[in-house]
């Protein structure tokens, strides 16, 4: 059976005949999902979205760091938003729960982790990603795979193109991310495909103190902008 996203992309060019009635129903479902997200998240005022691998277990140092970072941000009165699944998502929600901060999960295919105060299930990736970006004033990005990289570069593209304000994008663990940024600085920047300012969309942190300082600094800048 096709997922909802597969159905959304099943256009004639991909071997499916045109279906105007089906497309209208699809648009209605997408609108309903967006409206539900807006309604249920309307009360979230200060939040940080946390991204990272779903494969990190409780004994993984990245899991432990994500829990510590979320705990610290929760103490700063930020809600924590994740994909609601396992790994880094679970760790961040768990850290929020540790200190009584609002713990939000936006699952799509993942099993729900047990540390959510507000779970909101999505069928469409793009609707889910809108909620991540719309309700967070900062983003903390842990080591991860294709999904995490997708989220990282979409945030960069939105800020680069002026579609959103420049948020705080905090990349946890310099040692993991530095090779990627060496490539960006060494190949993509000299080719003229990005600017030095684009690379400044990101900050690096190795512990909860550095992450909290980055998020706090961004919040102060928002208040004075």
N, C-alpha and C. Protein backbone atom coordinates (compact mmCIF):
# COMPACT_ATOMS: atom_id res chain seq x y z
N UNK A 1 0.84 -1.20 0.00
CA UNK A 1 0.00 0.00 0.00
C UNK A 1 0.88 1.25 0.00
N UNK A 2 0.53 2.22 -0.82
CA UNK A 2 1.30 3.45 -0.89
C UNK A 2 1.11 4.29 0.36
N UNK A 3 2.18 4.99 0.76
CA UNK A 3 2.06 5.96 1.83
C UNK A 3 1.34 7.19 1.30
N UNK A 4 0.93 8.07 2.21
CA UNK A 4 0.27 9.30 1.78
C UNK A 4 1.19 10.15 0.91
N UNK A 5 2.47 10.20 1.25
CA UNK A 5 3.40 10.97 0.42
C UNK A 5 3.56 10.36 -0.95
N UNK A 6 3.60 9.04 -1.05
CA UNK A 6 3.69 8.38 -2.35
C UNK A 6 2.46 8.69 -3.19
N UNK A 7 1.30 8.72 -2.57
CA UNK A 7 0.08 9.06 -3.29
C UNK A 7 0.14 10.49 -3.80
N UNK A 8 0.70 11.39 -2.97
CA UNK A 8 0.78 12.80 -3.36
C UNK A 8 1.69 12.99 -4.57
N UNK A 9 2.72 12.15 -4.69
CA UNK A 9 3.67 12.28 -5.80
C UNK A 9 3.33 11.39 -6.99
N UNK A 10 2.23 10.65 -6.91
CA UNK A 10 1.85 9.74 -7.99
C UNK A 10 1.15 10.51 -9.10
N UNK A 11 1.91 11.29 -9.84
CA UNK A 11 1.38 12.12 -10.92
C UNK A 11 1.50 11.38 -12.25
N UNK A 12 0.85 11.88 -13.31
CA UNK A 12 0.92 11.17 -14.60
C UNK A 12 2.34 10.88 -15.08
N UNK A 13 3.27 11.80 -14.82
CA UNK A 13 4.65 11.58 -15.26
C UNK A 13 5.26 10.35 -14.60
N UNK A 14 4.67 9.93 -13.49
CA UNK A 14 5.16 8.75 -12.77
C UNK A 14 4.32 7.52 -13.08
N UNK A 15 3.52 7.59 -14.14
CA UNK A 15 2.80 6.41 -14.57
C UNK A 15 1.38 6.29 -14.07
N UNK A 16 0.82 7.34 -13.51
CA UNK A 16 -0.56 7.28 -13.04
C UNK A 16 -1.43 8.19 -13.89
N UNK A 17 -2.59 7.74 -14.34
CA UNK A 17 -3.46 8.61 -15.12
C UNK A 17 -3.98 9.77 -14.28
N UNK A 18 -4.32 10.86 -14.96
CA UNK A 18 -4.84 12.03 -14.26
C UNK A 18 -6.12 11.67 -13.51
N UNK A 19 -6.28 12.24 -12.32
CA UNK A 19 -7.45 11.96 -11.48
C UNK A 19 -7.84 13.24 -10.75
N UNK A 20 -8.54 14.16 -11.43
CA UNK A 20 -8.90 15.43 -10.80
C UNK A 20 -9.67 15.26 -9.50
N UNK A 21 -10.58 14.31 -9.44
CA UNK A 21 -11.35 14.11 -8.21
C UNK A 21 -10.44 13.65 -7.08
N UNK A 22 -9.52 12.74 -7.41
CA UNK A 22 -8.58 12.28 -6.39
C UNK A 22 -7.65 13.39 -5.94
N UNK A 23 -7.24 14.25 -6.87
CA UNK A 23 -6.37 15.37 -6.51
C UNK A 23 -7.10 16.35 -5.60
N UNK A 24 -8.38 16.58 -5.86
CA UNK A 24 -9.16 17.47 -5.01
C UNK A 24 -9.28 16.91 -3.59
N UNK A 25 -9.48 15.59 -3.49
CA UNK A 25 -9.55 14.95 -2.19
C UNK A 25 -8.20 15.05 -1.47
N UNK A 26 -7.12 14.87 -2.22
CA UNK A 26 -5.79 15.00 -1.65
C UNK A 26 -5.57 16.40 -1.09
N UNK A 27 -5.96 17.42 -1.85
CA UNK A 27 -5.80 18.80 -1.39
C UNK A 27 -6.61 19.05 -0.12
N UNK A 28 -7.79 18.45 -0.06
CA UNK A 28 -8.64 18.60 1.13
C UNK A 28 -7.97 17.96 2.35
N UNK A 29 -7.37 16.79 2.16
CA UNK A 29 -6.70 16.11 3.27
C UNK A 29 -5.50 16.91 3.76
N UNK A 30 -4.74 17.46 2.81
CA UNK A 30 -3.58 18.25 3.19
C UNK A 30 -4.01 19.49 3.97
N UNK A 31 -5.05 20.15 3.48
CA UNK A 31 -5.54 21.34 4.19
C UNK A 31 -5.99 20.98 5.59
N UNK A 32 -6.70 19.88 5.73
CA UNK A 32 -7.17 19.45 7.04
C UNK A 32 -6.00 19.19 7.99
N UNK A 33 -4.94 18.57 7.46
CA UNK A 33 -3.78 18.28 8.29
C UNK A 33 -3.08 19.56 8.73
N UNK A 34 -2.95 20.52 7.83
CA UNK A 34 -2.34 21.79 8.18
C UNK A 34 -3.17 22.53 9.22
N UNK A 35 -4.48 22.58 9.02
CA UNK A 35 -5.34 23.28 9.97
C UNK A 35 -5.28 22.65 11.35
N UNK A 36 -5.23 21.32 11.40
CA UNK A 36 -5.13 20.63 12.68
C UNK A 36 -3.82 20.98 13.37
N UNK A 37 -2.72 21.02 12.61
CA UNK A 37 -1.44 21.38 13.19
C UNK A 37 -1.44 22.80 13.72
N UNK A 38 -1.96 23.74 12.96
CA UNK A 38 -2.02 25.13 13.41
C UNK A 38 -2.83 25.26 14.70
N UNK A 39 -3.95 24.56 14.74
CA UNK A 39 -4.83 24.66 15.91
C UNK A 39 -4.17 24.08 17.16
N UNK A 40 -3.57 22.91 17.04
CA UNK A 40 -3.04 22.24 18.22
C UNK A 40 -1.73 22.85 18.71
N UNK A 41 -1.00 23.52 17.82
CA UNK A 41 0.27 24.12 18.22
C UNK A 41 0.18 25.62 18.46
N UNK A 42 -1.02 26.16 18.40
CA UNK A 42 -1.19 27.61 18.51
C UNK A 42 -0.66 28.16 19.83
N UNK A 43 -0.71 27.37 20.89
CA UNK A 43 -0.27 27.85 22.19
C UNK A 43 1.22 27.72 22.44
N UNK A 44 1.97 27.19 21.49
CA UNK A 44 3.41 27.02 21.66
C UNK A 44 4.10 28.34 21.28
N UNK A 45 4.68 29.02 22.26
CA UNK A 45 5.24 30.34 22.03
C UNK A 45 6.77 30.34 21.90
N UNK A 46 7.45 29.63 22.77
CA UNK A 46 8.92 29.56 22.74
C UNK A 46 9.30 28.10 22.61
N UNK A 47 9.90 27.75 21.49
CA UNK A 47 10.21 26.34 21.27
C UNK A 47 11.52 26.20 20.50
N UNK A 48 12.13 25.05 20.69
CA UNK A 48 13.32 24.65 19.94
C UNK A 48 13.02 23.31 19.30
N UNK A 49 13.25 23.20 18.00
CA UNK A 49 13.10 21.91 17.32
C UNK A 49 14.44 21.19 17.34
N UNK A 50 14.39 19.90 17.65
CA UNK A 50 15.60 19.09 17.76
C UNK A 50 15.55 17.98 16.72
N UNK A 51 16.61 17.85 15.93
CA UNK A 51 16.71 16.83 14.90
C UNK A 51 17.91 15.94 15.16
N UNK A 52 17.87 14.72 14.65
CA UNK A 52 18.99 13.81 14.78
C UNK A 52 18.58 12.38 14.49
N UNK A 53 19.52 11.49 14.59
CA UNK A 53 19.31 10.09 14.23
C UNK A 53 18.27 9.41 15.11
N UNK A 54 17.43 8.60 14.47
CA UNK A 54 16.47 7.77 15.21
C UNK A 54 17.13 6.51 15.75
N UNK A 55 18.39 6.27 15.42
CA UNK A 55 19.04 5.01 15.73
C UNK A 55 19.88 5.05 17.01
N UNK A 56 20.01 6.20 17.62
CA UNK A 56 20.83 6.31 18.82
C UNK A 56 20.08 5.72 20.02
N UNK A 57 20.72 4.78 20.72
CA UNK A 57 20.11 4.18 21.90
C UNK A 57 20.48 4.93 23.16
N UNK A 58 19.84 4.60 24.29
CA UNK A 58 20.09 5.32 25.54
C UNK A 58 21.54 5.32 25.99
N UNK A 59 22.32 4.32 25.59
CA UNK A 59 23.73 4.28 25.98
C UNK A 59 24.63 5.10 25.05
N UNK A 60 24.09 5.58 23.95
CA UNK A 60 24.86 6.35 22.98
C UNK A 60 25.17 7.74 23.55
N UNK A 61 26.41 8.21 23.44
CA UNK A 61 26.74 9.55 23.93
C UNK A 61 25.88 10.65 23.32
N UNK A 62 25.49 10.50 22.05
CA UNK A 62 24.65 11.52 21.43
C UNK A 62 23.26 11.54 22.07
N UNK A 63 22.73 10.39 22.42
CA UNK A 63 21.44 10.32 23.12
C UNK A 63 21.55 11.06 24.45
N UNK A 64 22.60 10.78 25.19
CA UNK A 64 22.77 11.40 26.49
C UNK A 64 22.96 12.91 26.36
N UNK A 65 23.70 13.33 25.33
CA UNK A 65 23.89 14.76 25.11
C UNK A 65 22.58 15.44 24.73
N UNK A 66 21.80 14.79 23.88
CA UNK A 66 20.51 15.37 23.47
C UNK A 66 19.59 15.53 24.67
N UNK A 67 19.60 14.57 25.56
CA UNK A 67 18.77 14.69 26.76
C UNK A 67 19.24 15.86 27.62
N UNK A 68 20.55 16.01 27.76
CA UNK A 68 21.09 17.10 28.57
C UNK A 68 20.79 18.46 27.95
N UNK A 69 20.95 18.56 26.63
CA UNK A 69 20.67 19.82 25.95
C UNK A 69 19.20 20.19 26.10
N UNK A 70 18.31 19.24 25.88
CA UNK A 70 16.87 19.52 26.00
C UNK A 70 16.50 19.88 27.44
N UNK A 71 17.14 19.24 28.38
CA UNK A 71 16.89 19.57 29.78
C UNK A 71 17.26 21.03 30.06
N UNK A 72 18.43 21.42 29.58
CA UNK A 72 18.87 22.80 29.78
C UNK A 72 17.94 23.80 29.09
N UNK A 73 17.55 23.51 27.87
CA UNK A 73 16.64 24.41 27.15
C UNK A 73 15.28 24.46 27.82
N UNK A 74 14.82 23.33 28.36
CA UNK A 74 13.57 23.32 29.09
C UNK A 74 13.62 24.20 30.32
N UNK A 75 14.76 24.22 30.99
CA UNK A 75 14.94 25.09 32.15
C UNK A 75 14.92 26.57 31.75
N UNK A 76 15.18 26.83 30.48
CA UNK A 76 15.13 28.20 29.95
C UNK A 76 13.73 28.54 29.42
N UNK A 77 12.76 27.69 29.72
CA UNK A 77 11.36 27.90 29.35
C UNK A 77 11.08 27.72 27.86
N UNK A 78 11.88 26.89 27.22
CA UNK A 78 11.58 26.52 25.84
C UNK A 78 10.84 25.18 25.81
N UNK A 79 9.82 25.10 24.98
CA UNK A 79 9.24 23.80 24.65
C UNK A 79 10.21 23.08 23.71
N UNK A 80 10.15 21.76 23.70
CA UNK A 80 11.01 20.96 22.83
C UNK A 80 10.13 20.24 21.81
N UNK A 81 10.44 20.43 20.53
CA UNK A 81 9.70 19.79 19.45
C UNK A 81 10.61 18.80 18.73
N UNK A 82 10.16 17.57 18.56
CA UNK A 82 10.91 16.56 17.82
C UNK A 82 9.95 15.81 16.90
N UNK A 83 10.50 14.84 16.20
CA UNK A 83 9.67 13.97 15.37
C UNK A 83 8.89 12.95 16.15
N UNK A 84 9.09 12.90 17.47
CA UNK A 84 8.28 12.05 18.33
C UNK A 84 8.66 10.59 18.35
N UNK A 85 9.74 10.22 17.65
CA UNK A 85 10.13 8.82 17.57
C UNK A 85 11.25 8.45 18.52
N UNK A 86 12.12 7.56 18.07
CA UNK A 86 13.18 7.02 18.92
C UNK A 86 14.47 7.82 18.75
N UNK A 87 15.54 7.34 19.37
CA UNK A 87 16.85 7.94 19.21
C UNK A 87 16.95 9.34 19.79
N UNK A 88 17.51 10.26 19.00
CA UNK A 88 17.69 11.63 19.45
C UNK A 88 16.35 12.27 19.77
N UNK A 89 15.31 11.92 19.02
CA UNK A 89 13.98 12.46 19.29
C UNK A 89 13.52 12.08 20.69
N UNK A 90 13.63 10.82 21.01
CA UNK A 90 13.25 10.35 22.34
C UNK A 90 14.08 11.03 23.42
N UNK A 91 15.38 11.13 23.19
CA UNK A 91 16.26 11.73 24.19
C UNK A 91 15.87 13.17 24.48
N UNK A 92 15.57 13.95 23.43
CA UNK A 92 15.21 15.34 23.62
C UNK A 92 13.87 15.46 24.34
N UNK A 93 12.89 14.67 23.95
CA UNK A 93 11.61 14.70 24.65
C UNK A 93 11.77 14.27 26.10
N UNK A 94 12.63 13.33 26.33
CA UNK A 94 12.89 12.85 27.69
C UNK A 94 13.53 13.95 28.54
N UNK A 95 14.47 14.69 27.95
CA UNK A 95 15.08 15.80 28.66
C UNK A 95 14.07 16.88 29.02
N UNK A 96 13.15 17.17 28.09
CA UNK A 96 12.09 18.13 28.39
C UNK A 96 11.22 17.64 29.53
N UNK A 97 10.86 16.38 29.49
CA UNK A 97 10.03 15.79 30.54
C UNK A 97 10.74 15.85 31.90
N UNK A 98 12.05 15.68 31.90
CA UNK A 98 12.83 15.71 33.15
C UNK A 98 12.59 16.99 33.94
N UNK A 99 12.41 18.11 33.23
CA UNK A 99 12.32 19.41 33.91
C UNK A 99 10.93 20.03 33.78
N UNK A 100 9.96 19.27 33.31
CA UNK A 100 8.59 19.77 33.22
C UNK A 100 8.34 20.73 32.08
N UNK A 101 9.21 20.74 31.08
CA UNK A 101 8.98 21.58 29.90
C UNK A 101 8.03 20.87 28.94
N UNK A 102 7.32 21.65 28.13
CA UNK A 102 6.40 21.06 27.17
C UNK A 102 7.17 20.22 26.16
N UNK A 103 6.75 18.98 25.99
CA UNK A 103 7.42 18.02 25.11
C UNK A 103 6.48 17.68 23.96
N UNK A 104 6.84 18.11 22.75
CA UNK A 104 5.98 17.96 21.58
C UNK A 104 6.60 16.96 20.60
N UNK A 105 5.77 16.10 20.04
CA UNK A 105 6.24 15.14 19.04
C UNK A 105 5.38 15.21 17.80
N UNK A 106 6.02 15.20 16.63
CA UNK A 106 5.32 15.26 15.35
C UNK A 106 5.64 14.01 14.54
N UNK A 107 5.15 12.86 14.95
CA UNK A 107 5.50 11.61 14.26
C UNK A 107 4.79 11.47 12.92
N UNK A 108 5.42 10.71 12.04
CA UNK A 108 4.80 10.40 10.75
C UNK A 108 4.80 8.90 10.51
N UNK A 109 5.90 8.24 10.71
CA UNK A 109 5.93 6.78 10.61
C UNK A 109 6.51 6.15 11.87
N UNK A 110 7.20 6.97 12.67
CA UNK A 110 7.86 6.45 13.85
C UNK A 110 6.86 6.01 14.91
N UNK A 111 7.28 5.06 15.73
CA UNK A 111 6.50 4.76 16.92
C UNK A 111 6.64 5.95 17.86
N UNK A 112 5.62 6.20 18.65
CA UNK A 112 5.68 7.30 19.61
C UNK A 112 6.61 6.93 20.76
N UNK A 113 7.47 7.84 21.16
CA UNK A 113 8.23 7.60 22.38
C UNK A 113 7.37 7.96 23.58
N UNK A 114 7.72 7.48 24.77
CA UNK A 114 6.84 7.64 25.93
C UNK A 114 6.99 8.96 26.67
N UNK A 115 7.63 9.96 26.06
CA UNK A 115 7.92 11.20 26.79
C UNK A 115 7.24 12.41 26.17
N UNK A 116 6.09 12.21 25.56
CA UNK A 116 5.40 13.28 24.85
C UNK A 116 4.21 13.80 25.65
N UNK A 117 4.13 15.12 25.76
CA UNK A 117 2.93 15.76 26.32
C UNK A 117 1.92 16.07 25.22
N UNK A 118 2.44 16.39 24.05
CA UNK A 118 1.57 16.77 22.94
C UNK A 118 2.02 16.05 21.67
N UNK A 119 1.45 14.86 21.41
CA UNK A 119 1.75 14.17 20.15
C UNK A 119 0.80 14.63 19.06
N UNK A 120 1.33 14.83 17.87
CA UNK A 120 0.50 15.28 16.75
C UNK A 120 0.97 14.54 15.51
N UNK A 121 0.22 13.52 15.11
CA UNK A 121 0.65 12.66 14.02
C UNK A 121 0.36 13.29 12.66
N UNK A 122 1.32 13.13 11.74
CA UNK A 122 1.19 13.66 10.39
C UNK A 122 1.25 12.53 9.37
N UNK A 123 0.62 12.76 8.21
CA UNK A 123 0.69 11.84 7.10
C UNK A 123 1.60 12.36 5.99
N UNK A 124 1.81 13.68 5.95
CA UNK A 124 2.56 14.30 4.87
C UNK A 124 3.82 14.97 5.42
N UNK A 125 4.96 14.60 4.86
CA UNK A 125 6.23 15.13 5.34
C UNK A 125 6.29 16.65 5.26
N UNK A 126 5.80 17.22 4.17
CA UNK A 126 5.94 18.67 4.01
C UNK A 126 5.09 19.43 5.02
N UNK A 127 3.93 18.87 5.41
CA UNK A 127 3.11 19.50 6.44
C UNK A 127 3.82 19.45 7.79
N UNK A 128 4.41 18.31 8.05
CA UNK A 128 5.16 18.14 9.30
C UNK A 128 6.35 19.10 9.36
N UNK A 129 7.08 19.23 8.26
CA UNK A 129 8.25 20.10 8.25
C UNK A 129 7.86 21.56 8.42
N UNK A 130 6.70 21.94 7.92
CA UNK A 130 6.22 23.30 8.14
C UNK A 130 6.04 23.57 9.62
N UNK A 131 5.50 22.61 10.37
CA UNK A 131 5.29 22.81 11.80
C UNK A 131 6.62 22.93 12.55
N UNK A 132 7.60 22.13 12.16
CA UNK A 132 8.92 22.24 12.78
C UNK A 132 9.46 23.67 12.64
N UNK A 133 9.34 24.23 11.44
CA UNK A 133 9.92 25.54 11.17
C UNK A 133 9.07 26.67 11.72
N UNK A 134 7.76 26.54 11.66
CA UNK A 134 6.86 27.63 12.03
C UNK A 134 6.89 27.93 13.52
N UNK A 135 7.02 26.91 14.34
CA UNK A 135 6.83 27.10 15.78
C UNK A 135 8.13 27.11 16.58
N UNK A 136 9.27 27.03 15.93
CA UNK A 136 10.54 27.03 16.64
C UNK A 136 11.31 28.32 16.34
N UNK A 137 11.97 28.83 17.37
CA UNK A 137 12.83 30.00 17.19
C UNK A 137 14.29 29.59 17.06
N UNK A 138 14.58 28.31 17.27
CA UNK A 138 15.94 27.80 17.11
C UNK A 138 15.86 26.32 16.78
N UNK A 139 16.94 25.82 16.19
CA UNK A 139 17.00 24.41 15.77
C UNK A 139 18.33 23.83 16.25
N UNK A 140 18.25 22.70 16.92
CA UNK A 140 19.44 22.01 17.40
C UNK A 140 19.54 20.70 16.64
N UNK A 141 20.65 20.51 15.95
CA UNK A 141 20.77 19.41 14.99
C UNK A 141 21.91 18.49 15.42
N UNK A 142 21.55 17.27 15.76
CA UNK A 142 22.52 16.27 16.18
C UNK A 142 22.94 15.42 14.98
N UNK A 143 24.00 14.63 15.14
CA UNK A 143 24.40 13.73 14.07
C UNK A 143 23.24 12.85 13.60
N UNK A 144 23.13 12.68 12.30
CA UNK A 144 22.06 11.86 11.74
C UNK A 144 22.36 11.54 10.29
N UNK A 145 21.37 10.96 9.62
CA UNK A 145 21.53 10.53 8.25
C UNK A 145 20.80 11.42 7.26
N UNK A 146 20.21 10.79 6.23
CA UNK A 146 19.58 11.56 5.16
C UNK A 146 18.46 12.46 5.68
N UNK A 147 17.63 11.96 6.59
CA UNK A 147 16.53 12.78 7.10
C UNK A 147 17.04 14.01 7.81
N UNK A 148 18.07 13.85 8.63
CA UNK A 148 18.64 14.98 9.35
C UNK A 148 19.29 15.96 8.39
N UNK A 149 20.01 15.45 7.39
CA UNK A 149 20.62 16.33 6.40
C UNK A 149 19.57 17.09 5.60
N UNK A 150 18.48 16.44 5.29
CA UNK A 150 17.38 17.09 4.58
C UNK A 150 16.86 18.27 5.40
N UNK A 151 16.64 18.04 6.69
CA UNK A 151 16.14 19.10 7.56
C UNK A 151 17.15 20.23 7.68
N UNK A 152 18.42 19.89 7.82
CA UNK A 152 19.47 20.89 7.94
C UNK A 152 19.51 21.80 6.71
N UNK A 153 19.55 21.21 5.53
CA UNK A 153 19.71 22.02 4.32
C UNK A 153 18.42 22.72 3.93
N UNK A 154 17.28 22.18 4.31
CA UNK A 154 16.04 22.93 4.04
C UNK A 154 15.99 24.19 4.89
N UNK A 155 16.40 24.09 6.16
CA UNK A 155 16.45 25.27 7.01
C UNK A 155 17.40 26.31 6.42
N UNK A 156 18.55 25.85 5.93
CA UNK A 156 19.51 26.77 5.33
C UNK A 156 18.93 27.44 4.08
N UNK A 157 18.26 26.66 3.24
CA UNK A 157 17.69 27.21 2.01
C UNK A 157 16.59 28.22 2.30
N UNK A 158 15.76 27.94 3.31
CA UNK A 158 14.70 28.88 3.67
C UNK A 158 15.27 30.20 4.15
N UNK A 159 16.31 30.13 4.97
CA UNK A 159 16.93 31.36 5.47
C UNK A 159 17.69 32.08 4.36
N UNK A 160 18.42 31.33 3.55
CA UNK A 160 19.21 31.92 2.46
C UNK A 160 18.32 32.67 1.48
N UNK A 161 17.14 32.13 1.20
CA UNK A 161 16.24 32.73 0.21
C UNK A 161 15.29 33.75 0.81
N UNK A 162 15.42 34.02 2.11
CA UNK A 162 14.59 35.03 2.74
C UNK A 162 13.17 34.59 3.01
N UNK A 163 12.90 33.30 2.95
CA UNK A 163 11.54 32.81 3.21
C UNK A 163 11.21 32.83 4.69
N UNK A 164 12.23 32.73 5.53
CA UNK A 164 12.05 32.83 6.98
C UNK A 164 13.14 33.74 7.51
N UNK A 165 12.94 34.23 8.74
CA UNK A 165 14.00 34.96 9.40
C UNK A 165 15.18 34.04 9.65
N UNK A 166 16.32 34.61 9.91
CA UNK A 166 17.52 33.80 10.15
C UNK A 166 17.45 33.24 11.56
N UNK A 167 17.20 31.93 11.70
CA UNK A 167 17.08 31.33 13.02
C UNK A 167 18.46 30.92 13.54
N UNK A 168 18.48 30.42 14.75
CA UNK A 168 19.69 29.83 15.30
C UNK A 168 19.72 28.36 14.94
N UNK A 169 20.69 27.97 14.11
CA UNK A 169 20.87 26.57 13.74
C UNK A 169 22.12 26.06 14.43
N UNK A 170 21.94 25.26 15.45
CA UNK A 170 23.06 24.81 16.27
C UNK A 170 23.38 23.36 15.91
N UNK A 171 24.58 23.14 15.41
CA UNK A 171 25.03 21.80 15.04
C UNK A 171 25.83 21.22 16.19
N UNK A 172 25.33 20.12 16.74
CA UNK A 172 25.98 19.50 17.88
C UNK A 172 27.09 18.55 17.42
N UNK A 173 28.24 18.69 18.03
CA UNK A 173 29.44 17.89 17.78
C UNK A 173 30.18 18.35 16.53
N UNK A 174 31.11 19.25 16.76
CA UNK A 174 31.92 19.77 15.66
C UNK A 174 32.60 18.66 14.87
N UNK A 175 33.09 17.63 15.57
CA UNK A 175 33.85 16.59 14.88
C UNK A 175 33.02 15.86 13.83
N UNK A 176 31.70 15.78 14.05
CA UNK A 176 30.83 15.11 13.09
C UNK A 176 30.56 16.00 11.88
N UNK A 177 30.30 17.28 12.12
CA UNK A 177 29.86 18.16 11.05
C UNK A 177 30.99 18.86 10.32
N UNK A 178 32.16 18.98 10.94
CA UNK A 178 33.23 19.76 10.33
C UNK A 178 33.65 19.26 8.95
N UNK A 179 33.75 17.94 8.70
CA UNK A 179 34.11 17.50 7.34
C UNK A 179 33.12 17.98 6.27
N UNK A 180 31.84 18.01 6.60
CA UNK A 180 30.85 18.52 5.65
C UNK A 180 31.10 19.99 5.36
N UNK A 181 31.40 20.76 6.40
CA UNK A 181 31.61 22.20 6.20
C UNK A 181 32.96 22.49 5.56
N UNK A 182 33.93 21.61 5.74
CA UNK A 182 35.18 21.74 5.00
C UNK A 182 34.91 21.61 3.50
N UNK A 183 34.04 20.67 3.14
CA UNK A 183 33.67 20.50 1.73
C UNK A 183 32.92 21.72 1.22
N UNK A 184 31.99 22.24 2.01
CA UNK A 184 31.24 23.43 1.60
C UNK A 184 32.19 24.62 1.40
N UNK A 185 33.12 24.79 2.34
CA UNK A 185 34.07 25.91 2.23
C UNK A 185 35.07 25.70 1.09
N UNK A 186 35.47 24.44 0.88
CA UNK A 186 36.53 24.16 -0.08
C UNK A 186 36.06 23.97 -1.51
N UNK A 187 34.80 23.56 -1.70
CA UNK A 187 34.32 23.26 -3.05
C UNK A 187 33.12 24.13 -3.45
N UNK A 188 32.12 24.19 -2.60
CA UNK A 188 30.88 24.87 -2.97
C UNK A 188 31.04 26.39 -2.93
N UNK A 189 31.73 26.90 -1.90
CA UNK A 189 31.96 28.34 -1.80
C UNK A 189 32.83 28.87 -2.94
N UNK A 190 33.99 28.26 -3.24
CA UNK A 190 34.81 28.77 -4.34
C UNK A 190 34.11 28.71 -5.70
N UNK A 191 33.18 27.77 -5.86
CA UNK A 191 32.43 27.67 -7.12
C UNK A 191 31.39 28.77 -7.26
N UNK A 192 31.21 29.56 -6.21
CA UNK A 192 30.24 30.65 -6.27
C UNK A 192 28.81 30.23 -6.03
N UNK A 193 28.61 29.03 -5.53
CA UNK A 193 27.24 28.53 -5.35
C UNK A 193 26.63 28.88 -4.00
N UNK A 194 27.45 29.28 -3.05
CA UNK A 194 26.99 29.82 -1.78
C UNK A 194 27.91 30.98 -1.43
N UNK A 195 27.51 31.74 -0.41
CA UNK A 195 28.32 32.87 0.05
C UNK A 195 28.87 32.59 1.44
N UNK A 196 29.81 33.40 1.86
CA UNK A 196 30.32 33.28 3.22
C UNK A 196 29.20 33.47 4.23
N UNK A 197 28.27 34.39 3.93
CA UNK A 197 27.14 34.62 4.83
C UNK A 197 26.28 33.37 4.98
N UNK A 198 26.18 32.58 3.93
CA UNK A 198 25.40 31.35 4.02
C UNK A 198 26.00 30.39 5.04
N UNK A 199 27.31 30.33 5.09
CA UNK A 199 27.97 29.44 6.05
C UNK A 199 27.80 29.94 7.48
N UNK A 200 27.50 31.22 7.63
CA UNK A 200 27.31 31.79 8.96
C UNK A 200 25.90 31.54 9.50
N UNK A 201 25.09 30.81 8.74
CA UNK A 201 23.76 30.44 9.22
C UNK A 201 23.83 29.39 10.32
N UNK A 202 25.01 28.81 10.53
CA UNK A 202 25.15 27.71 11.48
C UNK A 202 26.17 28.05 12.56
N UNK A 203 25.89 27.55 13.76
CA UNK A 203 26.84 27.61 14.87
C UNK A 203 27.14 26.18 15.30
N UNK A 204 28.26 26.00 15.93
CA UNK A 204 28.66 24.67 16.39
C UNK A 204 28.71 24.65 17.91
N UNK A 205 28.33 23.52 18.49
CA UNK A 205 28.37 23.36 19.94
C UNK A 205 28.74 21.92 20.27
N UNK A 206 29.40 21.76 21.40
CA UNK A 206 29.82 20.42 21.83
C UNK A 206 29.20 19.99 23.15
N UNK A 207 28.51 20.90 23.83
CA UNK A 207 27.88 20.53 25.09
C UNK A 207 26.65 21.40 25.32
N UNK A 208 25.95 21.11 26.40
CA UNK A 208 24.70 21.82 26.66
C UNK A 208 24.91 23.30 26.94
N UNK A 209 26.05 23.66 27.53
CA UNK A 209 26.32 25.07 27.81
C UNK A 209 26.46 25.87 26.52
N UNK A 210 27.22 25.33 25.59
CA UNK A 210 27.40 26.02 24.31
C UNK A 210 26.10 26.10 23.54
N UNK A 211 25.33 25.02 23.54
CA UNK A 211 24.05 25.02 22.83
C UNK A 211 23.10 26.05 23.43
N UNK A 212 23.03 26.08 24.76
CA UNK A 212 22.15 27.03 25.43
C UNK A 212 22.57 28.46 25.14
N UNK A 213 23.87 28.72 25.09
CA UNK A 213 24.35 30.07 24.80
C UNK A 213 23.96 30.50 23.39
N UNK A 214 24.07 29.59 22.43
CA UNK A 214 23.67 29.91 21.05
C UNK A 214 22.19 30.23 20.95
N UNK A 215 21.37 29.42 21.58
CA UNK A 215 19.92 29.63 21.53
C UNK A 215 19.54 30.91 22.27
N UNK A 216 20.16 31.14 23.42
CA UNK A 216 19.87 32.34 24.20
C UNK A 216 20.25 33.59 23.44
N UNK A 217 21.39 33.57 22.79
CA UNK A 217 21.85 34.72 22.01
C UNK A 217 20.88 35.02 20.87
N UNK A 218 20.42 33.98 20.21
CA UNK A 218 19.46 34.16 19.12
C UNK A 218 18.15 34.74 19.63
N UNK A 219 17.72 34.31 20.82
CA UNK A 219 16.47 34.81 21.39
C UNK A 219 16.58 36.29 21.73
N UNK A 220 17.72 36.70 22.26
CA UNK A 220 17.92 38.12 22.57
C UNK A 220 17.92 38.96 21.30
N UNK A 221 18.53 38.43 20.25
CA UNK A 221 18.56 39.16 18.98
C UNK A 221 17.16 39.30 18.40
N UNK A 222 16.32 38.27 18.57
CA UNK A 222 14.93 38.34 18.10
C UNK A 222 14.17 39.44 18.82
N UNK A 223 14.42 39.57 20.13
CA UNK A 223 13.69 40.55 20.93
C UNK A 223 14.09 41.98 20.58
N UNK A 224 15.33 42.16 20.11
CA UNK A 224 15.80 43.51 19.80
C UNK A 224 15.69 43.85 18.33
N UNK A 225 15.29 42.88 17.51
CA UNK A 225 15.21 43.12 16.06
C UNK A 225 14.06 44.05 15.72
